[in-house]
Every structure is written in structure tokens, then in C-alpha cells.
Amino acid sequence: MKYRKKPVVIEAVQFSATESGDTLVFDKAPKWLQDAFQEETITRVLGDSVNGGDWDFLSIKTLEGNMLVSPDDFIIRGVEGELYPCKPDIFRKTYEAVED
């Protein structure tokens, strides 16, 4: 059988990091993202500890374990409030913007 994903509305924000690794940049960081940092559901991982580079990464605690968020990945807040990363190409194929 084939199945279609039900139309649900999620919240998401795209992650980027500066080359210096000094700043985490989010486009209009929502409260749920700020809360996730406060609760340490999301933590910062310095690039040199991952790949020897200058880019910062994030680690998200998920039901499947810790998942690495690379620059340009999207952080999605699902229908149950769960957080998980998504690669930009998959995000664009799966989701489209909706108006409030």
C-alpha cells in the first residue's frame, strides 16, 4: 500500500553558524528554541571537536538518542513538541510555508 503524510503544521528554524564559531545565528529564534537551550535539550558542540573545523554544531536530545545538527539544517518542533533535525533538501521536499 501507499500512504500520504497527513497535513500537519510544524514549527521549524534553520540553523547557521559563523565561520569563527563565536556566534550561533537563528532567524527569529522562537521561545521553544530558547527553552530547549535553557533545558539543555539542545546543546552547542564546537566544530573542532566534531570535524576539526571552525563551524559550530548542535546536539539535540531525541527519543532516538542525541542527533547532530549541522549548519543549514532545520530544527523541527513536531506535533508533540519533540525536536529533531532535518537536512535542508529533505525539509524543502517535505514542507511548505503556511500563513498564521
Protein backbone atom coordinates (compact mmCIF):
# COMPACT_ATOMS: atom_id res chain seq x y z
CA MET A 1 0.00 0.00 0.00
CA LYS A 2 0.97 3.61 -0.42
CA TYR A 3 0.45 6.27 2.22
CA ARG A 4 0.39 10.05 2.18
CA LYS A 5 1.64 12.12 5.10
CA LYS A 6 -1.25 13.83 6.87
CA PRO A 7 -1.16 17.61 6.60
CA VAL A 8 0.12 18.80 9.96
CA VAL A 9 1.65 22.16 10.81
CA ILE A 10 5.06 22.11 12.44
CA GLU A 11 7.39 24.86 13.58
CA ALA A 12 10.97 25.00 12.34
CA VAL A 13 14.01 27.23 12.33
CA GLN A 14 17.14 26.97 10.20
CA PHE A 15 20.50 26.80 11.99
CA SER A 16 23.65 28.51 10.79
CA ALA A 17 26.99 29.26 12.43
CA THR A 18 29.62 31.86 11.74
CA GLU A 19 32.99 30.72 10.45
CA SER A 20 34.63 31.97 13.63
CA GLY A 21 32.36 29.75 15.69
CA ASP A 22 31.71 32.64 18.07
CA THR A 23 28.05 33.14 17.28
CA LEU A 24 25.04 30.92 16.79
CA VAL A 25 22.64 32.50 14.34
CA PHE A 26 18.92 31.82 14.14
CA ASP A 27 16.36 33.67 12.12
CA LYS A 28 13.97 34.98 14.80
CA ALA A 29 14.60 32.34 17.47
CA PRO A 30 11.20 31.25 18.84
CA LYS A 31 10.55 30.73 22.54
CA TRP A 32 10.51 26.92 22.18
CA LEU A 33 14.07 27.06 20.82
CA GLN A 34 15.25 29.35 23.61
CA ASP A 35 13.58 27.00 26.13
CA ALA A 36 15.33 23.98 24.57
CA PHE A 37 18.72 25.63 25.14
CA GLN A 38 17.75 26.58 28.70
CA GLU A 39 16.64 22.99 29.44
CA GLU A 40 19.75 21.63 27.65
CA THR A 41 17.65 19.64 25.21
CA ILE A 42 19.83 21.39 22.63
CA THR A 43 23.49 21.98 23.36
CA ARG A 44 26.28 23.61 21.40
CA VAL A 45 29.10 21.44 20.07
CA LEU A 46 32.25 23.21 18.94
CA GLY A 47 33.27 22.39 15.39
CA ASP A 48 36.83 21.42 16.26
CA SER A 49 35.51 18.62 18.48
CA VAL A 50 33.43 17.22 15.58
CA ASN A 51 35.45 17.67 12.41
CA GLY A 52 38.40 19.90 13.24
CA GLY A 53 36.67 22.82 11.53
CA ASP A 54 35.53 26.25 12.61
CA TRP A 55 31.79 25.61 12.25
CA ASP A 56 29.68 25.04 15.32
CA PHE A 57 27.19 22.20 15.51
CA LEU A 58 24.30 21.48 17.84
CA SER A 59 23.26 18.31 19.58
CA ILE A 60 19.56 17.58 20.13
CA LYS A 61 18.36 15.03 22.67
CA THR A 62 15.70 12.96 20.89
CA LEU A 63 13.88 9.72 21.64
CA GLU A 64 16.35 8.02 19.29
CA GLY A 65 19.37 9.48 21.14
CA ASN A 66 21.47 12.56 20.53
CA MET A 67 21.38 13.84 16.95
CA LEU A 68 23.89 16.25 15.43
CA VAL A 69 22.60 19.42 13.78
CA SER A 70 24.90 20.77 11.07
CA PRO A 71 24.89 24.35 9.80
CA ASP A 72 21.92 24.98 7.47
CA ASP A 73 19.93 22.06 8.92
CA PHE A 74 16.43 22.82 10.13
CA ILE A 75 15.38 22.19 13.72
CA ILE A 76 11.79 20.99 13.68
CA ARG A 77 9.34 21.07 16.56
CA GLY A 78 6.87 18.28 15.90
CA VAL A 79 3.22 17.92 16.79
CA GLU A 80 4.03 16.53 20.26
CA GLY A 81 6.67 19.21 20.96
CA GLU A 82 9.53 16.86 20.07
CA LEU A 83 12.63 18.37 18.44
CA TYR A 84 14.66 16.84 15.66
CA PRO A 85 17.00 17.96 12.86
CA CYS A 86 16.22 17.81 9.16
CA LYS A 87 18.56 18.34 6.20
CA PRO A 88 17.62 21.34 4.04
CA ASP A 89 16.92 19.34 0.87
CA ILE A 90 14.57 16.94 2.69
CA PHE A 91 12.89 19.84 4.50
CA ARG A 92 12.14 21.65 1.24
CA LYS A 93 10.73 18.48 -0.36
CA THR A 94 8.54 17.73 2.66
CA TYR A 95 7.34 21.09 3.98
CA GLU A 96 5.96 24.33 2.61
CA ALA A 97 5.36 27.62 4.41
CA VAL A 98 1.91 28.38 5.81
CA GLU A 99 0.47 31.65 6.96
CA ASP A 100 -0.57 32.14 10.58
